[in-house]
Amino acid sequence: MSLRLFFVLCFIVDQESGSTEAISQSWTITKGNFWALFSLFLVILGINILGALALFVGLLFTIPFSSLILMVAYRQMVNNYTDEEEILIEGSDKN
């Protein structure tokens, strides 16, 4: 369930959504992407474990890098979702 709510904070900051709206948006955008999000979570976890193994000083670098990875994934999923919506709208106009 936490994987589906991965991007709640991103929606609140980026689109100034309310809390319930951000939860709904995150749930919608992550639908059907469980394995991609799970592998992304494992990559972020691995990077941060490596940072912790470097006497926790490495976390000063790996946590911002992990946040950057999360933001890129959020932007990619938002762009893909809006592209699909535009395709659906264009397809209904032709009929």
C-alpha atoms as a PDB file:
ATOM      1  CA  MET A   1       0.000   0.000   0.000  1.00  0.00           C
ATOM      2  CA  SER A   2       2.859   2.371   0.716  1.00  0.00           C
ATOM      3  CA  LEU A   3       4.164   1.876  -2.822  1.00  0.00           C
ATOM      4  CA  ARG A   4       0.865   3.153  -4.217  1.00  0.00           C
ATOM      5  CA  LEU A   5       1.142   6.230  -1.986  1.00  0.00           C
ATOM      6  CA  PHE A   6       4.760   6.906  -2.969  1.00  0.00           C
ATOM      7  CA  PHE A   7       3.988  10.224  -4.664  1.00  0.00           C
ATOM      8  CA  VAL A   8       1.533  11.873  -2.231  1.00  0.00           C
ATOM      9  CA  LEU A   9       4.061  14.452  -1.084  1.00  0.00           C
ATOM     10  CA  CYS A  10       5.030  15.158  -4.699  1.00  0.00           C
ATOM     11  CA  PHE A  11       1.428  15.998  -5.597  1.00  0.00           C
ATOM     12  CA  ILE A  12       1.061  18.231  -2.540  1.00  0.00           C
ATOM     13  CA  VAL A  13       4.200  20.201  -3.383  1.00  0.00           C
ATOM     14  CA  ASP A  14       4.014  20.192  -7.182  1.00  0.00           C
ATOM     15  CA  GLN A  15       0.307  20.659  -7.814  1.00  0.00           C
ATOM     16  CA  GLU A  16      -0.716  22.144  -4.460  1.00  0.00           C
ATOM     17  CA  SER A  17      -3.265  19.370  -3.944  1.00  0.00           C
ATOM     18  CA  GLY A  18      -5.020  18.755  -0.662  1.00  0.00           C
ATOM     19  CA  SER A  19      -4.211  15.636   1.320  1.00  0.00           C
ATOM     20  CA  THR A  20      -7.158  13.519   0.154  1.00  0.00           C
ATOM     21  CA  GLU A  21      -6.782  14.719  -3.432  1.00  0.00           C
ATOM     22  CA  ALA A  22      -3.049  13.894  -3.377  1.00  0.00           C
ATOM     23  CA  ILE A  23      -3.783  10.401  -2.057  1.00  0.00           C
ATOM     24  CA  SER A  24      -6.313   9.869  -4.840  1.00  0.00           C
ATOM     25  CA  GLN A  25      -3.915  11.190  -7.498  1.00  0.00           C
ATOM     26  CA  SER A  26      -1.053   9.037  -6.275  1.00  0.00           C
ATOM     27  CA  TRP A  27      -3.296   5.969  -6.158  1.00  0.00           C
ATOM     28  CA  THR A  28      -4.474   6.650  -9.720  1.00  0.00           C
ATOM     29  CA  ILE A  29      -1.073   7.305 -11.252  1.00  0.00           C
ATOM     30  CA  THR A  30       0.567   4.216  -9.724  1.00  0.00           C
ATOM     31  CA  LYS A  31      -2.164   1.821 -10.818  1.00  0.00           C
ATOM     32  CA  GLY A  32      -0.630  -1.056 -12.773  1.00  0.00           C
ATOM     33  CA  ASN A  33       2.967  -0.077 -11.947  1.00  0.00           C
ATOM     34  CA  PHE A  34       3.555  -2.173  -8.830  1.00  0.00           C
ATOM     35  CA  TRP A  35       6.648  -4.029 -10.038  1.00  0.00           C
ATOM     36  CA  ALA A  36       8.287  -0.896 -11.426  1.00  0.00           C
ATOM     37  CA  LEU A  37       7.696   0.917  -8.137  1.00  0.00           C
ATOM     38  CA  PHE A  38       8.862  -2.089  -6.137  1.00  0.00           C
ATOM     39  CA  SER A  39      12.125  -2.258  -8.088  1.00  0.00           C
ATOM     40  CA  LEU A  40      12.552   1.518  -7.689  1.00  0.00           C
ATOM     41  CA  PHE A  41      12.059   1.116  -3.937  1.00  0.00           C
ATOM     42  CA  LEU A  42      14.706  -1.629  -3.836  1.00  0.00           C
ATOM     43  CA  VAL A  43      17.175   0.548  -5.768  1.00  0.00           C
ATOM     44  CA  ILE A  44      16.615   3.485  -3.393  1.00  0.00           C
ATOM     45  CA  LEU A  45      16.937   1.188  -0.388  1.00  0.00           C
ATOM     46  CA  GLY A  46      20.187  -0.283  -1.730  1.00  0.00           C
ATOM     47  CA  ILE A  47      21.681   3.145  -2.398  1.00  0.00           C
ATOM     48  CA  ASN A  48      20.851   4.311   1.119  1.00  0.00           C
ATOM     49  CA  ILE A  49      22.230   1.118   2.686  1.00  0.00           C
ATOM     50  CA  LEU A  50      25.502   1.739   0.853  1.00  0.00           C
ATOM     51  CA  GLY A  51      25.486   5.285   2.219  1.00  0.00           C
ATOM     52  CA  ALA A  52      24.929   3.972   5.735  1.00  0.00           C
ATOM     53  CA  LEU A  53      27.795   1.515   5.353  1.00  0.00           C
ATOM     54  CA  ALA A  54      30.130   4.445   4.689  1.00  0.00           C
ATOM     55  CA  LEU A  55      30.010   5.414   8.374  1.00  0.00           C
ATOM     56  CA  PHE A  56      26.681   7.213   7.818  1.00  0.00           C
ATOM     57  CA  VAL A  57      28.553  10.081   6.141  1.00  0.00           C
ATOM     58  CA  GLY A  58      27.492   8.652   2.813  1.00  0.00           C
ATOM     59  CA  LEU A  59      23.857   9.322   3.710  1.00  0.00           C
ATOM     60  CA  LEU A  60      24.598  13.018   3.210  1.00  0.00           C
ATOM     61  CA  PHE A  61      24.916  12.160  -0.487  1.00  0.00           C
ATOM     62  CA  THR A  62      22.618   9.173  -0.948  1.00  0.00           C
ATOM     63  CA  ILE A  63      19.457  10.638   0.617  1.00  0.00           C
ATOM     64  CA  PRO A  64      19.356  13.673  -1.727  1.00  0.00           C
ATOM     65  CA  PHE A  65      20.193  11.366  -4.640  1.00  0.00           C
ATOM     66  CA  SER A  66      17.317   9.077  -3.629  1.00  0.00           C
ATOM     67  CA  SER A  67      14.980  12.064  -3.487  1.00  0.00           C
ATOM     68  CA  LEU A  68      16.110  13.071  -6.965  1.00  0.00           C
ATOM     69  CA  ILE A  69      15.371   9.565  -8.270  1.00  0.00           C
ATOM     70  CA  LEU A  70      11.909   9.735  -6.709  1.00  0.00           C
ATOM     71  CA  MET A  71      11.173  13.125  -8.294  1.00  0.00           C
ATOM     72  CA  VAL A  72      12.287  11.927 -11.737  1.00  0.00           C
ATOM     73  CA  ALA A  73      10.057   8.861 -11.400  1.00  0.00           C
ATOM     74  CA  TYR A  74       7.143  11.081 -10.335  1.00  0.00           C
ATOM     75  CA  ARG A  75       7.605  13.417 -13.297  1.00  0.00           C
ATOM     76  CA  GLN A  76       7.890  10.463 -15.694  1.00  0.00           C
ATOM     77  CA  MET A  77       4.697   8.873 -14.383  1.00  0.00           C
ATOM     78  CA  VAL A  78       2.773  12.163 -14.513  1.00  0.00           C
ATOM     79  CA  ASN A  79       3.896  12.789 -18.093  1.00  0.00           C
ATOM     80  CA  ASN A  80       2.967   9.256 -19.183  1.00  0.00           C
ATOM     81  CA  TYR A  81      -0.421   9.490 -17.525  1.00  0.00           C
ATOM     82  CA  THR A  82      -1.334  12.821 -19.143  1.00  0.00           C
ATOM     83  CA  ASP A  83      -0.157  11.529 -22.533  1.00  0.00           C
ATOM     84  CA  GLU A  84      -2.553   8.592 -22.234  1.00  0.00           C
ATOM     85  CA  GLU A  85      -5.391  10.930 -21.276  1.00  0.00           C
ATOM     86  CA  GLU A  86      -4.706  13.130 -24.325  1.00  0.00           C
ATOM     87  CA  ILE A  87      -4.725  10.069 -26.581  1.00  0.00           C
ATOM     88  CA  LEU A  88      -8.097   8.999 -25.185  1.00  0.00           C
ATOM     89  CA  ILE A  89      -9.523  12.484 -25.715  1.00  0.00           C
ATOM     90  CA  GLU A  90      -8.190  12.705 -29.282  1.00  0.00           C
ATOM     91  CA  GLY A  91      -9.552   9.242 -30.104  1.00  0.00           C
ATOM     92  CA  SER A  92     -13.071  10.172 -29.016  1.00  0.00           C
ATOM     93  CA  ASP A  93     -12.981  13.399 -31.077  1.00  0.00           C
ATOM     94  CA  LYS A  94     -12.360  11.458 -34.312  1.00  0.00           C
ATOM     95  CA  ASN A  95     -15.523   9.360 -33.919  1.00  0.00           C
END
